[in-house]
Amino acid sequence: MKLEEYKNKMTLFYSKRTGEIQTFCTGIQDMNLFGDNKEDYDVIWDFIVIDYNNKILNNKDMFCVDLSSKTLRLKEFKF
């Protein structure tokens, strides 16, 4: 990975069922990040690569992935 990719991109891993962000890393990654567990995580998680955004990193629980468009969106909170 190039240093610029590490600084300018981030990878979000999310639930295929709910779109909830499970974990993230800076830079461009894929499911190989999980090594021997790749096949297990492939079943339940997917990932998207987006431009680096510190607000998302610090508030990942406020966002989720829209499963139909595979884009990031704010979660809808019910009170």
N, C-alpha and C. Protein backbone atom coordinates (compact mmCIF):
# COMPACT_ATOMS: atom_id res chain seq x y z
N MET A 1 0.85 -1.17 0.00
CA MET A 1 0.00 0.00 0.00
C MET A 1 0.89 1.24 0.00
N LYS A 2 0.53 2.20 -0.79
CA LYS A 2 1.27 3.45 -0.85
C LYS A 2 0.92 4.31 0.36
N LEU A 3 1.85 5.12 0.79
CA LEU A 3 1.64 5.99 1.94
C LEU A 3 0.44 6.91 1.72
N GLU A 4 0.26 7.40 0.51
CA GLU A 4 -0.87 8.28 0.20
C GLU A 4 -2.20 7.55 0.40
N GLU A 5 -2.28 6.28 0.02
CA GLU A 5 -3.50 5.50 0.22
C GLU A 5 -3.79 5.34 1.70
N TYR A 6 -2.75 5.12 2.48
CA TYR A 6 -2.91 4.97 3.92
C TYR A 6 -3.44 6.26 4.55
N LYS A 7 -2.97 7.40 4.07
CA LYS A 7 -3.38 8.69 4.62
C LYS A 7 -4.74 9.14 4.13
N ASN A 8 -5.11 8.79 2.90
CA ASN A 8 -6.29 9.36 2.27
C ASN A 8 -7.50 8.45 2.18
N LYS A 9 -7.35 7.18 2.49
CA LYS A 9 -8.46 6.23 2.38
C LYS A 9 -8.65 5.47 3.69
N MET A 10 -9.83 4.90 3.85
CA MET A 10 -10.11 4.02 4.97
C MET A 10 -11.06 2.93 4.52
N THR A 11 -10.97 1.79 5.17
CA THR A 11 -11.81 0.64 4.83
C THR A 11 -12.73 0.36 6.00
N LEU A 12 -14.02 0.25 5.71
CA LEU A 12 -15.03 -0.06 6.72
C LEU A 12 -15.54 -1.47 6.48
N PHE A 13 -15.52 -2.29 7.51
CA PHE A 13 -16.06 -3.64 7.44
C PHE A 13 -17.41 -3.62 8.15
N TYR A 14 -18.44 -4.14 7.47
CA TYR A 14 -19.80 -4.02 7.99
C TYR A 14 -20.57 -5.33 7.85
N SER A 15 -21.63 -5.43 8.64
CA SER A 15 -22.50 -6.60 8.61
C SER A 15 -23.29 -6.64 7.30
N LYS A 16 -23.27 -7.78 6.63
CA LYS A 16 -24.05 -7.95 5.39
C LYS A 16 -25.55 -7.94 5.67
N ARG A 17 -25.94 -8.24 6.89
CA ARG A 17 -27.35 -8.31 7.24
C ARG A 17 -27.91 -6.96 7.66
N THR A 18 -27.14 -6.19 8.46
CA THR A 18 -27.66 -4.95 9.03
C THR A 18 -27.00 -3.69 8.51
N GLY A 19 -25.83 -3.80 7.92
CA GLY A 19 -25.09 -2.62 7.50
C GLY A 19 -24.31 -1.96 8.63
N GLU A 20 -24.39 -2.51 9.83
CA GLU A 20 -23.68 -1.95 10.98
C GLU A 20 -22.17 -2.11 10.80
N ILE A 21 -21.45 -1.03 11.05
CA ILE A 21 -19.99 -1.05 10.92
C ILE A 21 -19.42 -1.85 12.09
N GLN A 22 -18.65 -2.88 11.76
CA GLN A 22 -18.07 -3.75 12.78
C GLN A 22 -16.67 -3.31 13.18
N THR A 23 -15.88 -2.94 12.21
CA THR A 23 -14.52 -2.48 12.46
C THR A 23 -14.04 -1.68 11.26
N PHE A 24 -12.89 -1.07 11.38
CA PHE A 24 -12.36 -0.25 10.30
C PHE A 24 -10.84 -0.22 10.39
N CYS A 25 -10.22 0.24 9.32
CA CYS A 25 -8.78 0.47 9.33
C CYS A 25 -8.48 1.58 8.35
N THR A 26 -7.36 2.23 8.54
CA THR A 26 -6.95 3.24 7.59
C THR A 26 -6.29 2.56 6.40
N GLY A 27 -6.35 3.22 5.27
CA GLY A 27 -5.80 2.64 4.06
C GLY A 27 -6.80 1.75 3.35
N ILE A 28 -6.33 1.12 2.29
CA ILE A 28 -7.16 0.23 1.48
C ILE A 28 -6.84 -1.21 1.85
N GLN A 29 -7.85 -1.92 2.32
CA GLN A 29 -7.70 -3.32 2.71
C GLN A 29 -8.80 -4.15 2.06
N ASP A 30 -8.74 -5.45 2.25
CA ASP A 30 -9.81 -6.34 1.86
C ASP A 30 -9.94 -7.41 2.95
N MET A 31 -10.69 -8.45 2.68
CA MET A 31 -10.94 -9.46 3.70
C MET A 31 -9.69 -10.25 4.07
N ASN A 32 -8.65 -10.18 3.27
CA ASN A 32 -7.39 -10.85 3.61
C ASN A 32 -6.78 -10.28 4.88
N LEU A 33 -7.23 -9.12 5.30
CA LEU A 33 -6.78 -8.54 6.56
C LEU A 33 -6.98 -9.50 7.72
N PHE A 34 -7.98 -10.37 7.63
CA PHE A 34 -8.33 -11.28 8.72
C PHE A 34 -7.61 -12.61 8.66
N GLY A 35 -6.69 -12.76 7.72
CA GLY A 35 -5.84 -13.95 7.66
C GLY A 35 -6.63 -15.24 7.59
N ASP A 36 -6.34 -16.16 8.50
CA ASP A 36 -6.99 -17.48 8.51
C ASP A 36 -8.50 -17.40 8.75
N ASN A 37 -8.98 -16.29 9.29
CA ASN A 37 -10.42 -16.13 9.55
C ASN A 37 -11.17 -15.50 8.38
N LYS A 38 -10.47 -15.25 7.28
CA LYS A 38 -11.08 -14.60 6.12
C LYS A 38 -12.36 -15.30 5.67
N GLU A 39 -12.33 -16.61 5.53
CA GLU A 39 -13.51 -17.34 5.04
C GLU A 39 -14.69 -17.18 5.99
N ASP A 40 -14.44 -17.17 7.28
CA ASP A 40 -15.52 -16.99 8.25
C ASP A 40 -16.14 -15.61 8.13
N TYR A 41 -15.30 -14.58 8.09
CA TYR A 41 -15.81 -13.21 8.00
C TYR A 41 -16.46 -12.93 6.65
N ASP A 42 -16.00 -13.59 5.59
CA ASP A 42 -16.61 -13.41 4.27
C ASP A 42 -18.10 -13.74 4.28
N VAL A 43 -18.51 -14.63 5.14
CA VAL A 43 -19.91 -15.06 5.21
C VAL A 43 -20.79 -13.95 5.78
N ILE A 44 -20.29 -13.22 6.77
CA ILE A 44 -21.15 -12.27 7.49
C ILE A 44 -20.80 -10.81 7.28
N TRP A 45 -19.59 -10.51 6.82
CA TRP A 45 -19.16 -9.13 6.65
C TRP A 45 -18.83 -8.83 5.19
N ASP A 46 -18.92 -7.55 4.86
CA ASP A 46 -18.43 -7.04 3.59
C ASP A 46 -17.66 -5.77 3.90
N PHE A 47 -17.14 -5.09 2.90
CA PHE A 47 -16.37 -3.88 3.17
C PHE A 47 -16.54 -2.87 2.06
N ILE A 48 -16.31 -1.62 2.41
CA ILE A 48 -16.25 -0.54 1.44
C ILE A 48 -15.00 0.29 1.74
N VAL A 49 -14.45 0.90 0.72
CA VAL A 49 -13.32 1.82 0.86
C VAL A 49 -13.84 3.22 0.58
N ILE A 50 -13.57 4.13 1.51
CA ILE A 50 -14.04 5.51 1.36
C ILE A 50 -12.87 6.46 1.62
N ASP A 51 -13.07 7.73 1.33
CA ASP A 51 -12.07 8.73 1.66
C ASP A 51 -11.94 8.81 3.18
N TYR A 52 -10.71 9.02 3.64
CA TYR A 52 -10.44 9.11 5.07
C TYR A 52 -11.26 10.24 5.68
N ASN A 53 -11.90 9.95 6.82
CA ASN A 53 -12.71 10.94 7.51
C ASN A 53 -12.59 10.69 9.00
N ASN A 54 -11.92 11.58 9.69
CA ASN A 54 -11.69 11.43 11.12
C ASN A 54 -12.99 11.41 11.92
N LYS A 55 -14.01 12.13 11.46
CA LYS A 55 -15.30 12.15 12.16
C LYS A 55 -15.94 10.77 12.15
N ILE A 56 -15.79 10.05 11.07
CA ILE A 56 -16.34 8.69 11.01
C ILE A 56 -15.55 7.77 11.93
N LEU A 57 -14.23 7.90 11.92
CA LEU A 57 -13.41 7.06 12.80
C LEU A 57 -13.77 7.25 14.26
N ASN A 58 -14.03 8.49 14.65
CA ASN A 58 -14.32 8.78 16.05
C ASN A 58 -15.78 8.56 16.43
N ASN A 59 -16.65 8.37 15.45
CA ASN A 59 -18.09 8.22 15.71
C ASN A 59 -18.69 7.10 14.88
N LYS A 60 -18.00 5.99 14.74
CA LYS A 60 -18.46 4.93 13.82
C LYS A 60 -19.85 4.41 14.16
N ASP A 61 -20.25 4.50 15.42
CA ASP A 61 -21.56 4.00 15.81
C ASP A 61 -22.70 4.89 15.34
N MET A 62 -22.39 6.06 14.82
CA MET A 62 -23.42 6.96 14.30
C MET A 62 -23.70 6.71 12.82
N PHE A 63 -22.91 5.83 12.21
CA PHE A 63 -23.02 5.58 10.78
C PHE A 63 -23.29 4.10 10.51
N CYS A 64 -23.82 3.83 9.34
CA CYS A 64 -23.97 2.46 8.86
C CYS A 64 -23.87 2.48 7.34
N VAL A 65 -23.81 1.31 6.76
CA VAL A 65 -23.71 1.20 5.31
C VAL A 65 -25.10 0.86 4.76
N ASP A 66 -25.54 1.64 3.79
CA ASP A 66 -26.79 1.34 3.10
C ASP A 66 -26.54 0.11 2.24
N LEU A 67 -27.26 -0.96 2.50
CA LEU A 67 -26.99 -2.23 1.84
C LEU A 67 -27.32 -2.23 0.35
N SER A 68 -28.26 -1.41 -0.07
CA SER A 68 -28.61 -1.41 -1.50
C SER A 68 -27.63 -0.59 -2.33
N SER A 69 -27.15 0.53 -1.78
CA SER A 69 -26.23 1.38 -2.55
C SER A 69 -24.77 1.21 -2.15
N LYS A 70 -24.53 0.50 -1.04
CA LYS A 70 -23.17 0.30 -0.50
C LYS A 70 -22.47 1.64 -0.26
N THR A 71 -23.24 2.59 0.27
CA THR A 71 -22.71 3.89 0.64
C THR A 71 -22.93 4.12 2.13
N LEU A 72 -22.16 5.01 2.68
CA LEU A 72 -22.26 5.32 4.10
C LEU A 72 -23.40 6.29 4.34
N ARG A 73 -24.12 6.10 5.45
CA ARG A 73 -25.18 7.03 5.81
C ARG A 73 -25.26 7.14 7.32
N LEU A 74 -25.91 8.19 7.79
CA LEU A 74 -26.16 8.34 9.21
C LEU A 74 -27.21 7.33 9.64
N LYS A 75 -27.04 6.77 10.82
CA LYS A 75 -28.03 5.84 11.36
C LYS A 75 -29.27 6.60 11.76
N GLU A 76 -30.39 5.92 11.69
CA GLU A 76 -31.64 6.48 12.19
C GLU A 76 -31.81 5.98 13.61
N PHE A 77 -31.88 6.92 14.55
CA PHE A 77 -32.04 6.55 15.95
C PHE A 77 -33.49 6.70 16.35
N LYS A 78 -33.99 5.72 17.08
CA LYS A 78 -35.36 5.76 17.57
C LYS A 78 -35.33 6.09 19.05
N PHE A 79 -36.16 7.03 19.45
CA PHE A 79 -36.22 7.42 20.86
C PHE A 79 -37.50 6.95 21.47
